């Protein structure tokens, strides 16, 4: 891998972008950044507070500004928020500035992984299953549009280490085919 290359992880909430991203960043010697964590670091407040005060539109503006900044760096692995693909400018930045990996996750897997997570404002809905299906309907084609590589969902009992190794194997295989 070219060390100046950026790696962008996209996918739905609960796909493992942050957990797997940390492992991939180590493997590929990249600086790990999580877009939501960067928003919290720069604003000094939780994402949920931004949603409470500015709504989703305000959050998306902040997300886009930071994605532009972070994707403009070199040697970064950026775990993007699940909805970052909604903005066409964000999609353009990712496709032009790095290698995009889509971590897939089925709605049942998301429900399993997020069963005890109360920190995600868009999942405050009483019917999480319906909300996740709605988000998938709006975002899946956008993930597919920009993905250089698609990593299929793991299973409910697959740990971070195993999922990371599976991703590394697929990325390495894909890059080796491209280099050949």
N, C-alpha and C. Protein backbone atom coordinates (compact mmCIF):
# COMPACT_ATOMS: atom_id res chain seq x y z
N UNK A 1 0.84 -1.19 0.00
CA UNK A 1 0.00 0.00 0.00
C UNK A 1 0.87 1.24 0.00
N UNK A 2 0.49 2.22 -0.75
CA UNK A 2 1.16 3.50 -0.76
C UNK A 2 0.92 4.18 0.59
N UNK A 3 1.96 4.48 1.36
CA UNK A 3 1.77 5.07 2.69
C UNK A 3 1.11 6.44 2.67
N UNK A 4 1.08 7.10 1.52
CA UNK A 4 0.40 8.40 1.46
C UNK A 4 -1.08 8.25 1.16
N UNK A 5 -1.51 7.03 0.92
CA UNK A 5 -2.91 6.78 0.59
C UNK A 5 -3.78 6.88 1.84
N UNK A 6 -5.00 7.34 1.64
CA UNK A 6 -5.99 7.36 2.71
C UNK A 6 -6.93 6.18 2.55
N UNK A 7 -7.44 5.73 3.66
CA UNK A 7 -8.40 4.64 3.68
C UNK A 7 -9.64 5.15 4.39
N UNK A 8 -10.79 5.07 3.71
CA UNK A 8 -12.04 5.53 4.28
C UNK A 8 -12.96 4.35 4.52
N UNK A 9 -13.47 4.22 5.74
CA UNK A 9 -14.41 3.17 6.07
C UNK A 9 -15.81 3.77 6.10
N UNK A 10 -16.69 3.17 5.33
CA UNK A 10 -18.08 3.60 5.29
C UNK A 10 -18.95 2.41 5.64
N UNK A 11 -20.19 2.68 5.97
CA UNK A 11 -21.13 1.61 6.26
C UNK A 11 -22.11 2.05 7.32
N UNK A 12 -23.09 1.20 7.57
CA UNK A 12 -24.14 1.57 8.51
C UNK A 12 -23.67 1.61 9.95
N UNK A 13 -24.47 2.20 10.78
CA UNK A 13 -24.25 2.22 12.21
C UNK A 13 -24.09 0.79 12.71
N UNK A 14 -23.07 0.55 13.51
CA UNK A 14 -22.87 -0.78 14.07
C UNK A 14 -22.10 -1.73 13.17
N UNK A 15 -21.59 -1.26 12.05
CA UNK A 15 -20.84 -2.13 11.14
C UNK A 15 -19.44 -2.44 11.66
N UNK A 16 -18.94 -1.62 12.59
CA UNK A 16 -17.61 -1.85 13.14
C UNK A 16 -16.54 -0.91 12.60
N UNK A 17 -16.97 0.21 12.03
CA UNK A 17 -16.01 1.13 11.42
C UNK A 17 -14.95 1.62 12.40
N UNK A 18 -15.35 1.94 13.60
CA UNK A 18 -14.40 2.43 14.60
C UNK A 18 -13.53 1.30 15.14
N UNK A 19 -14.13 0.22 15.56
CA UNK A 19 -13.39 -0.89 16.16
C UNK A 19 -12.43 -1.52 15.16
N UNK A 20 -12.94 -1.83 13.97
CA UNK A 20 -12.10 -2.44 12.94
C UNK A 20 -11.12 -1.42 12.40
N UNK A 21 -11.57 -0.18 12.28
CA UNK A 21 -10.70 0.88 11.77
C UNK A 21 -9.42 1.05 12.58
N UNK A 22 -9.52 0.95 13.88
CA UNK A 22 -8.31 1.06 14.72
C UNK A 22 -7.30 -0.03 14.37
N UNK A 23 -7.80 -1.24 14.16
CA UNK A 23 -6.92 -2.36 13.82
C UNK A 23 -6.30 -2.19 12.43
N UNK A 24 -7.10 -1.74 11.48
CA UNK A 24 -6.59 -1.54 10.13
C UNK A 24 -5.55 -0.42 10.09
N UNK A 25 -5.78 0.62 10.88
CA UNK A 25 -4.83 1.73 10.92
C UNK A 25 -3.46 1.25 11.39
N UNK A 26 -3.45 0.39 12.39
CA UNK A 26 -2.18 -0.18 12.87
C UNK A 26 -1.53 -1.00 11.76
N UNK A 27 -2.32 -1.87 11.14
CA UNK A 27 -1.80 -2.77 10.10
C UNK A 27 -1.20 -2.01 8.94
N UNK A 28 -1.84 -0.91 8.54
CA UNK A 28 -1.39 -0.16 7.37
C UNK A 28 -0.62 1.11 7.72
N UNK A 29 -0.28 1.25 8.99
CA UNK A 29 0.53 2.38 9.46
C UNK A 29 -0.10 3.72 9.06
N UNK A 30 -1.38 3.87 9.39
CA UNK A 30 -2.12 5.09 9.10
C UNK A 30 -2.57 5.74 10.40
N UNK A 31 -2.76 7.03 10.37
CA UNK A 31 -3.32 7.75 11.51
C UNK A 31 -4.81 7.45 11.55
N UNK A 32 -5.30 6.93 12.70
CA UNK A 32 -6.72 6.63 12.83
C UNK A 32 -7.49 7.85 13.29
N UNK A 33 -8.56 8.17 12.55
CA UNK A 33 -9.49 9.23 12.93
C UNK A 33 -10.90 8.71 12.79
N UNK A 34 -11.72 8.97 13.79
CA UNK A 34 -13.14 8.66 13.73
C UNK A 34 -13.85 9.99 13.56
N UNK A 35 -14.65 10.12 12.51
CA UNK A 35 -15.26 11.41 12.19
C UNK A 35 -16.14 11.94 13.32
N UNK A 36 -16.95 11.07 13.92
CA UNK A 36 -17.80 11.52 15.03
C UNK A 36 -16.95 11.97 16.22
N UNK A 37 -15.89 11.24 16.51
CA UNK A 37 -15.01 11.63 17.62
C UNK A 37 -14.29 12.94 17.32
N UNK A 38 -13.95 13.16 16.07
CA UNK A 38 -13.32 14.43 15.69
C UNK A 38 -14.30 15.59 15.86
N UNK A 39 -15.56 15.35 15.53
CA UNK A 39 -16.58 16.39 15.73
C UNK A 39 -16.69 16.72 17.22
N UNK A 40 -16.71 15.71 18.06
CA UNK A 40 -16.80 15.93 19.51
C UNK A 40 -15.55 16.63 20.03
N UNK A 41 -14.38 16.25 19.51
CA UNK A 41 -13.13 16.87 19.96
C UNK A 41 -13.09 18.34 19.59
N UNK A 42 -13.50 18.67 18.36
CA UNK A 42 -13.40 20.07 17.92
C UNK A 42 -14.49 20.96 18.51
N UNK A 43 -15.66 20.38 18.79
CA UNK A 43 -16.75 21.20 19.34
C UNK A 43 -16.75 21.21 20.87
N UNK A 44 -16.17 20.18 21.46
CA UNK A 44 -16.18 20.08 22.92
C UNK A 44 -17.48 19.56 23.49
N UNK A 45 -18.37 19.07 22.63
CA UNK A 45 -19.64 18.51 23.09
C UNK A 45 -19.91 17.19 22.38
N UNK A 46 -20.81 16.40 22.95
CA UNK A 46 -21.20 15.13 22.35
C UNK A 46 -22.02 15.35 21.08
N UNK A 47 -21.96 14.38 20.18
CA UNK A 47 -22.77 14.42 18.97
C UNK A 47 -24.24 14.58 19.33
N UNK A 48 -24.69 13.90 20.36
CA UNK A 48 -26.09 14.00 20.77
C UNK A 48 -26.47 15.43 21.15
N UNK A 49 -25.54 16.17 21.74
CA UNK A 49 -25.80 17.57 22.09
C UNK A 49 -25.94 18.42 20.83
N UNK A 50 -25.10 18.15 19.84
CA UNK A 50 -25.20 18.88 18.57
C UNK A 50 -26.57 18.62 17.94
N UNK A 51 -27.00 17.36 17.95
CA UNK A 51 -28.33 17.03 17.42
C UNK A 51 -29.42 17.77 18.19
N UNK A 52 -29.29 17.83 19.52
CA UNK A 52 -30.29 18.51 20.35
C UNK A 52 -30.37 20.00 20.03
N UNK A 53 -29.23 20.62 19.83
CA UNK A 53 -29.18 22.07 19.63
C UNK A 53 -29.36 22.48 18.17
N UNK A 54 -28.66 21.78 17.26
CA UNK A 54 -28.63 22.20 15.85
C UNK A 54 -29.42 21.28 14.93
N UNK A 55 -29.89 20.16 15.46
CA UNK A 55 -30.60 19.19 14.63
C UNK A 55 -29.65 18.43 13.71
N UNK A 56 -30.24 17.55 12.93
CA UNK A 56 -29.40 16.74 12.02
C UNK A 56 -28.72 17.61 10.97
N UNK A 57 -29.41 18.65 10.50
CA UNK A 57 -28.81 19.51 9.47
C UNK A 57 -27.54 20.19 9.98
N UNK A 58 -27.57 20.68 11.22
CA UNK A 58 -26.38 21.30 11.81
C UNK A 58 -25.26 20.30 11.97
N UNK A 59 -25.61 19.10 12.42
CA UNK A 59 -24.60 18.05 12.55
C UNK A 59 -23.98 17.73 11.19
N UNK A 60 -24.80 17.59 10.17
CA UNK A 60 -24.29 17.23 8.83
C UNK A 60 -23.36 18.31 8.28
N UNK A 61 -23.65 19.57 8.56
CA UNK A 61 -22.73 20.65 8.13
C UNK A 61 -21.37 20.49 8.79
N UNK A 62 -21.37 20.23 10.09
CA UNK A 62 -20.11 20.03 10.81
C UNK A 62 -19.39 18.79 10.29
N UNK A 63 -20.15 17.73 10.06
CA UNK A 63 -19.57 16.49 9.57
C UNK A 63 -18.89 16.71 8.21
N UNK A 64 -19.55 17.42 7.32
CA UNK A 64 -19.00 17.68 5.99
C UNK A 64 -17.72 18.52 6.06
N UNK A 65 -17.74 19.54 6.91
CA UNK A 65 -16.56 20.40 7.05
C UNK A 65 -15.36 19.60 7.56
N UNK A 66 -15.59 18.74 8.54
CA UNK A 66 -14.49 17.95 9.08
C UNK A 66 -14.07 16.84 8.13
N UNK A 67 -15.01 16.26 7.39
CA UNK A 67 -14.63 15.25 6.41
C UNK A 67 -13.74 15.87 5.34
N UNK A 68 -14.08 17.08 4.91
CA UNK A 68 -13.24 17.76 3.93
C UNK A 68 -11.83 17.96 4.48
N UNK A 69 -11.74 18.42 5.73
CA UNK A 69 -10.44 18.66 6.34
C UNK A 69 -9.65 17.36 6.52
N UNK A 70 -10.28 16.36 7.12
CA UNK A 70 -9.58 15.10 7.41
C UNK A 70 -9.19 14.35 6.15
N UNK A 71 -10.06 14.36 5.16
CA UNK A 71 -9.76 13.64 3.92
C UNK A 71 -8.68 14.34 3.10
N UNK A 72 -8.43 15.60 3.38
CA UNK A 72 -7.38 16.34 2.70
C UNK A 72 -5.99 16.02 3.21
N UNK A 73 -5.91 15.32 4.31
CA UNK A 73 -4.62 14.89 4.85
C UNK A 73 -4.13 13.68 4.07
N UNK A 74 -2.92 13.24 4.37
CA UNK A 74 -2.34 12.03 3.76
C UNK A 74 -2.03 11.04 4.87
N UNK A 75 -2.21 9.78 4.57
CA UNK A 75 -1.87 8.73 5.52
C UNK A 75 -2.88 8.58 6.64
N UNK A 76 -4.15 8.75 6.33
CA UNK A 76 -5.22 8.72 7.33
C UNK A 76 -6.17 7.56 7.06
N UNK A 77 -6.57 6.89 8.12
CA UNK A 77 -7.71 5.99 8.05
C UNK A 77 -8.84 6.72 8.74
N UNK A 78 -9.89 7.02 8.00
CA UNK A 78 -11.01 7.78 8.52
C UNK A 78 -12.24 6.89 8.60
N UNK A 79 -12.71 6.66 9.83
CA UNK A 79 -13.96 5.96 10.04
C UNK A 79 -15.07 7.00 9.93
N UNK A 80 -15.81 6.94 8.83
CA UNK A 80 -16.82 7.95 8.55
C UNK A 80 -18.13 7.61 9.24
N UNK A 81 -18.87 8.62 9.58
CA UNK A 81 -20.20 8.40 10.14
C UNK A 81 -21.08 7.72 9.10
N UNK A 82 -22.06 6.97 9.56
CA UNK A 82 -22.90 6.19 8.67
C UNK A 82 -23.63 7.06 7.64
N UNK A 83 -23.95 8.29 8.00
CA UNK A 83 -24.68 9.17 7.09
C UNK A 83 -23.82 10.11 6.29
N UNK A 84 -22.51 10.01 6.43
CA UNK A 84 -21.62 10.92 5.69
C UNK A 84 -21.81 10.79 4.17
N UNK A 85 -22.24 9.63 3.71
CA UNK A 85 -22.42 9.41 2.28
C UNK A 85 -23.62 10.16 1.71
N UNK A 86 -24.47 10.70 2.55
CA UNK A 86 -25.67 11.39 2.07
C UNK A 86 -25.33 12.65 1.28
N UNK A 87 -24.18 13.25 1.56
CA UNK A 87 -23.76 14.48 0.90
C UNK A 87 -22.89 14.13 -0.31
N UNK A 88 -23.30 14.57 -1.51
CA UNK A 88 -22.50 14.24 -2.71
C UNK A 88 -21.08 14.79 -2.66
N UNK A 89 -20.88 15.92 -2.00
CA UNK A 89 -19.52 16.47 -1.88
C UNK A 89 -18.66 15.54 -1.02
N UNK A 90 -19.23 15.02 0.05
CA UNK A 90 -18.50 14.07 0.89
C UNK A 90 -18.11 12.84 0.07
N UNK A 91 -19.04 12.33 -0.71
CA UNK A 91 -18.75 11.15 -1.53
C UNK A 91 -17.62 11.46 -2.51
N UNK A 92 -17.65 12.63 -3.11
CA UNK A 92 -16.59 13.01 -4.06
C UNK A 92 -15.24 13.09 -3.36
N UNK A 93 -15.22 13.71 -2.17
CA UNK A 93 -13.95 13.80 -1.43
C UNK A 93 -13.39 12.41 -1.15
N UNK A 94 -14.25 11.49 -0.72
CA UNK A 94 -13.76 10.15 -0.40
C UNK A 94 -13.23 9.44 -1.63
N UNK A 95 -13.97 9.49 -2.73
CA UNK A 95 -13.53 8.76 -3.92
C UNK A 95 -12.29 9.36 -4.55
N UNK A 96 -12.13 10.67 -4.44
CA UNK A 96 -10.96 11.32 -5.04
C UNK A 96 -9.72 11.28 -4.14
N UNK A 97 -9.92 11.09 -2.84
CA UNK A 97 -8.80 11.25 -1.91
C UNK A 97 -8.37 9.96 -1.22
N UNK A 98 -8.92 8.84 -1.60
CA UNK A 98 -8.50 7.62 -0.94
C UNK A 98 -9.22 6.40 -1.44
N UNK A 99 -9.02 5.33 -0.73
CA UNK A 99 -9.57 4.01 -1.02
C UNK A 99 -10.74 3.81 -0.07
N UNK A 100 -11.91 3.50 -0.62
CA UNK A 100 -13.14 3.43 0.17
C UNK A 100 -13.55 1.98 0.39
N UNK A 101 -13.67 1.61 1.66
CA UNK A 101 -14.08 0.26 2.04
C UNK A 101 -15.44 0.34 2.72
N UNK A 102 -16.38 -0.41 2.18
CA UNK A 102 -17.73 -0.47 2.73
C UNK A 102 -17.85 -1.69 3.62
N UNK A 103 -18.01 -1.45 4.92
CA UNK A 103 -18.26 -2.52 5.87
C UNK A 103 -19.76 -2.72 5.95
N UNK A 104 -20.23 -3.82 5.42
CA UNK A 104 -21.66 -4.09 5.43
C UNK A 104 -22.09 -4.62 6.79
N UNK A 105 -23.35 -4.42 7.10
CA UNK A 105 -23.95 -5.01 8.31
C UNK A 105 -25.46 -5.11 8.06
N UNK A 106 -25.98 -6.29 8.25
CA UNK A 106 -27.42 -6.48 8.10
C UNK A 106 -28.14 -5.79 9.25
N UNK A 107 -29.41 -5.51 9.07
CA UNK A 107 -30.20 -4.89 10.13
C UNK A 107 -30.23 -5.79 11.38
N UNK A 108 -30.44 -7.11 11.25
CA UNK A 108 -30.39 -7.95 12.46
C UNK A 108 -29.04 -7.87 13.19
N UNK A 109 -27.95 -7.82 12.43
CA UNK A 109 -26.63 -7.69 13.07
C UNK A 109 -26.50 -6.33 13.76
N UNK A 110 -26.98 -5.27 13.12
CA UNK A 110 -26.95 -3.95 13.74
C UNK A 110 -27.75 -3.96 15.04
N UNK A 111 -28.94 -4.53 15.01
CA UNK A 111 -29.77 -4.59 16.22
C UNK A 111 -29.05 -5.34 17.33
N UNK A 112 -28.37 -6.41 16.99
CA UNK A 112 -27.62 -7.18 17.98
C UNK A 112 -26.49 -6.34 18.57
N UNK A 113 -25.70 -5.72 17.71
CA UNK A 113 -24.54 -4.95 18.16
C UNK A 113 -24.92 -3.68 18.92
N UNK A 114 -26.05 -3.11 18.59
CA UNK A 114 -26.46 -1.82 19.17
C UNK A 114 -27.52 -1.96 20.25
N UNK A 115 -27.77 -3.18 20.68
CA UNK A 115 -28.87 -3.45 21.63
C UNK A 115 -28.81 -2.58 22.88
N UNK A 116 -27.62 -2.30 23.37
CA UNK A 116 -27.48 -1.54 24.62
C UNK A 116 -26.91 -0.14 24.40
N UNK A 117 -26.79 0.28 23.15
CA UNK A 117 -26.22 1.58 22.81
C UNK A 117 -27.32 2.64 22.82
N UNK A 118 -27.18 3.61 23.70
CA UNK A 118 -28.16 4.70 23.77
C UNK A 118 -27.55 6.04 23.34
N UNK A 119 -26.35 6.01 22.75
CA UNK A 119 -25.65 7.24 22.44
C UNK A 119 -25.92 7.78 21.05
N UNK A 120 -26.67 7.06 20.23
CA UNK A 120 -26.85 7.47 18.83
C UNK A 120 -28.20 8.16 18.64
N UNK A 121 -28.17 9.46 18.37
CA UNK A 121 -29.40 10.24 18.29
C UNK A 121 -30.41 9.72 17.27
N UNK A 122 -29.94 9.24 16.13
CA UNK A 122 -30.87 8.78 15.10
C UNK A 122 -31.54 7.45 15.46
N UNK A 123 -31.04 6.79 16.50
CA UNK A 123 -31.64 5.53 16.93
C UNK A 123 -32.49 5.69 18.19
N UNK A 124 -32.82 6.92 18.53
CA UNK A 124 -33.67 7.17 19.70
C UNK A 124 -35.12 6.79 19.41
N UNK A 125 -35.39 6.42 18.19
CA UNK A 125 -36.72 6.02 17.75
C UNK A 125 -37.19 4.77 18.51
N UNK A 126 -38.45 4.68 18.79
CA UNK A 126 -39.00 3.54 19.52
C UNK A 126 -38.86 2.24 18.72
N UNK A 127 -38.94 2.32 17.40
CA UNK A 127 -38.83 1.14 16.55
C UNK A 127 -37.49 1.18 15.83
N UNK A 128 -36.46 0.67 16.50
CA UNK A 128 -35.11 0.70 15.92
C UNK A 128 -35.02 -0.09 14.62
N UNK A 129 -35.70 -1.21 14.57
CA UNK A 129 -35.67 -2.04 13.37
C UNK A 129 -36.15 -1.24 12.16
N UNK A 130 -37.28 -0.57 12.32
CA UNK A 130 -37.84 0.25 11.24
C UNK A 130 -36.89 1.39 10.87
N UNK A 131 -36.31 2.03 11.87
CA UNK A 131 -35.38 3.14 11.61
C UNK A 131 -34.14 2.66 10.86
N UNK A 132 -33.57 1.53 11.28
CA UNK A 132 -32.39 0.99 10.61
C UNK A 132 -32.71 0.57 9.18
N UNK A 133 -33.88 -0.01 8.96
CA UNK A 133 -34.28 -0.38 7.61
C UNK A 133 -34.46 0.86 6.74
N UNK A 134 -35.02 1.91 7.30
CA UNK A 134 -35.20 3.16 6.57
C UNK A 134 -33.85 3.78 6.19
N UNK A 135 -32.91 3.78 7.14
CA UNK A 135 -31.58 4.32 6.85
C UNK A 135 -30.89 3.47 5.78
N UNK A 136 -31.03 2.15 5.86
CA UNK A 136 -30.42 1.27 4.86
C UNK A 136 -31.00 1.56 3.47
N UNK A 137 -32.29 1.77 3.40
CA UNK A 137 -32.94 2.06 2.12
C UNK A 137 -32.39 3.35 1.50
N UNK A 138 -32.11 4.34 2.34
CA UNK A 138 -31.62 5.63 1.85
C UNK A 138 -30.13 5.62 1.54
N UNK A 139 -29.37 4.72 2.15
CA UNK A 139 -27.91 4.81 2.08
C UNK A 139 -27.21 3.70 1.31
N UNK A 140 -27.83 2.55 1.20
CA UNK A 140 -27.13 1.39 0.61
C UNK A 140 -26.61 1.67 -0.80
N UNK A 141 -27.42 2.26 -1.65
CA UNK A 141 -26.97 2.56 -3.02
C UNK A 141 -25.81 3.55 -3.01
N UNK A 142 -25.79 4.46 -2.04
CA UNK A 142 -24.70 5.45 -1.95
C UNK A 142 -23.41 4.78 -1.50
N UNK A 143 -23.51 3.85 -0.55
CA UNK A 143 -22.32 3.09 -0.14
C UNK A 143 -21.75 2.34 -1.35
N UNK A 144 -22.65 1.68 -2.07
CA UNK A 144 -22.22 0.88 -3.21
C UNK A 144 -21.59 1.76 -4.30
N UNK A 145 -22.15 2.93 -4.49
CA UNK A 145 -21.67 3.86 -5.53
C UNK A 145 -20.20 4.20 -5.36
N UNK A 146 -19.74 4.38 -4.13
CA UNK A 146 -18.37 4.88 -3.93
C UNK A 146 -17.39 3.82 -3.43
N UNK A 147 -17.86 2.63 -3.12
CA UNK A 147 -16.98 1.62 -2.53
C UNK A 147 -16.00 1.05 -3.54
N UNK A 148 -14.72 1.07 -3.17
CA UNK A 148 -13.70 0.36 -3.94
C UNK A 148 -13.71 -1.12 -3.58
N UNK A 149 -14.11 -1.42 -2.36
CA UNK A 149 -14.15 -2.80 -1.87
C UNK A 149 -15.31 -2.93 -0.90
N UNK A 150 -16.04 -4.03 -1.02
CA UNK A 150 -17.17 -4.31 -0.14
C UNK A 150 -16.80 -5.48 0.76
N UNK A 151 -16.91 -5.29 2.06
CA UNK A 151 -16.65 -6.33 3.04
C UNK A 151 -18.01 -6.81 3.56
N UNK A 152 -18.40 -8.05 3.24
CA UNK A 152 -19.70 -8.53 3.70
C UNK A 152 -19.79 -8.59 5.22
N UNK A 153 -21.03 -8.57 5.70
CA UNK A 153 -21.29 -8.67 7.14
C UNK A 153 -20.63 -9.91 7.72
N UNK A 154 -20.15 -9.76 8.94
CA UNK A 154 -19.70 -10.93 9.69
C UNK A 154 -20.90 -11.54 10.38
N UNK A 155 -20.63 -12.39 11.34
CA UNK A 155 -21.73 -12.98 12.10
C UNK A 155 -21.75 -12.38 13.50
N UNK A 156 -22.84 -12.61 14.21
CA UNK A 156 -23.04 -11.97 15.52
C UNK A 156 -21.91 -12.25 16.50
N UNK A 157 -21.31 -13.40 16.43
CA UNK A 157 -20.28 -13.79 17.41
C UNK A 157 -18.86 -13.50 16.94
N UNK A 158 -18.72 -12.89 15.77
CA UNK A 158 -17.38 -12.57 15.27
C UNK A 158 -16.82 -11.39 16.08
N UNK A 159 -15.69 -11.58 16.69
CA UNK A 159 -15.06 -10.52 17.47
C UNK A 159 -14.33 -9.53 16.58
N UNK A 160 -13.88 -8.45 17.19
CA UNK A 160 -13.18 -7.39 16.46
C UNK A 160 -11.91 -7.92 15.81
N UNK A 161 -11.14 -8.74 16.54
CA UNK A 161 -9.88 -9.25 16.00
C UNK A 161 -10.13 -10.10 14.76
N UNK A 162 -11.11 -11.00 14.83
CA UNK A 162 -11.42 -11.86 13.68
C UNK A 162 -11.96 -11.04 12.52
N UNK A 163 -12.83 -10.09 12.80
CA UNK A 163 -13.38 -9.23 11.74
C UNK A 163 -12.27 -8.41 11.09
N UNK A 164 -11.36 -7.90 11.90
CA UNK A 164 -10.25 -7.10 11.38
C UNK A 164 -9.35 -7.95 10.48
N UNK A 165 -9.05 -9.16 10.91
CA UNK A 165 -8.21 -10.06 10.10
C UNK A 165 -8.90 -10.39 8.78
N UNK A 166 -10.20 -10.60 8.82
CA UNK A 166 -10.96 -10.88 7.60
C UNK A 166 -10.89 -9.68 6.66
N UNK A 167 -11.02 -8.47 7.20
CA UNK A 167 -10.94 -7.25 6.39
C UNK A 167 -9.54 -7.08 5.79
N UNK A 168 -8.53 -7.29 6.61
CA UNK A 168 -7.15 -7.16 6.13
C UNK A 168 -6.89 -8.12 4.98
N UNK A 169 -7.33 -9.37 5.13
CA UNK A 169 -7.13 -10.36 4.07
C UNK A 169 -7.81 -9.93 2.78
N UNK A 170 -9.03 -9.40 2.89
CA UNK A 170 -9.75 -8.97 1.69
C UNK A 170 -9.11 -7.74 1.05
N UNK A 171 -8.70 -6.78 1.88
CA UNK A 171 -8.05 -5.57 1.36
C UNK A 171 -6.74 -5.94 0.67
N UNK A 172 -5.93 -6.75 1.34
CA UNK A 172 -4.64 -7.14 0.75
C UNK A 172 -4.84 -7.87 -0.57
N UNK A 173 -5.81 -8.78 -0.62
CA UNK A 173 -6.10 -9.53 -1.84
C UNK A 173 -6.54 -8.57 -2.96
N UNK A 174 -7.38 -7.60 -2.62
CA UNK A 174 -7.87 -6.65 -3.61
C UNK A 174 -6.74 -5.77 -4.14
N UNK A 175 -5.90 -5.27 -3.22
CA UNK A 175 -4.77 -4.43 -3.65
C UNK A 175 -3.77 -5.21 -4.48
N UNK A 176 -3.53 -6.47 -4.10
CA UNK A 176 -2.58 -7.29 -4.88
C UNK A 176 -3.11 -7.54 -6.28
N UNK A 177 -4.42 -7.73 -6.41
CA UNK A 177 -5.00 -7.90 -7.76
C UNK A 177 -4.87 -6.62 -8.57
N UNK A 178 -5.04 -5.48 -7.92
CA UNK A 178 -4.93 -4.20 -8.63
C UNK A 178 -3.49 -3.94 -9.08
N UNK A 179 -2.54 -4.35 -8.24
CA UNK A 179 -1.13 -4.10 -8.54
C UNK A 179 -0.61 -5.02 -9.65
N UNK A 180 -1.25 -6.16 -9.81
CA UNK A 180 -0.78 -7.16 -10.79
C UNK A 180 -1.04 -6.73 -12.22
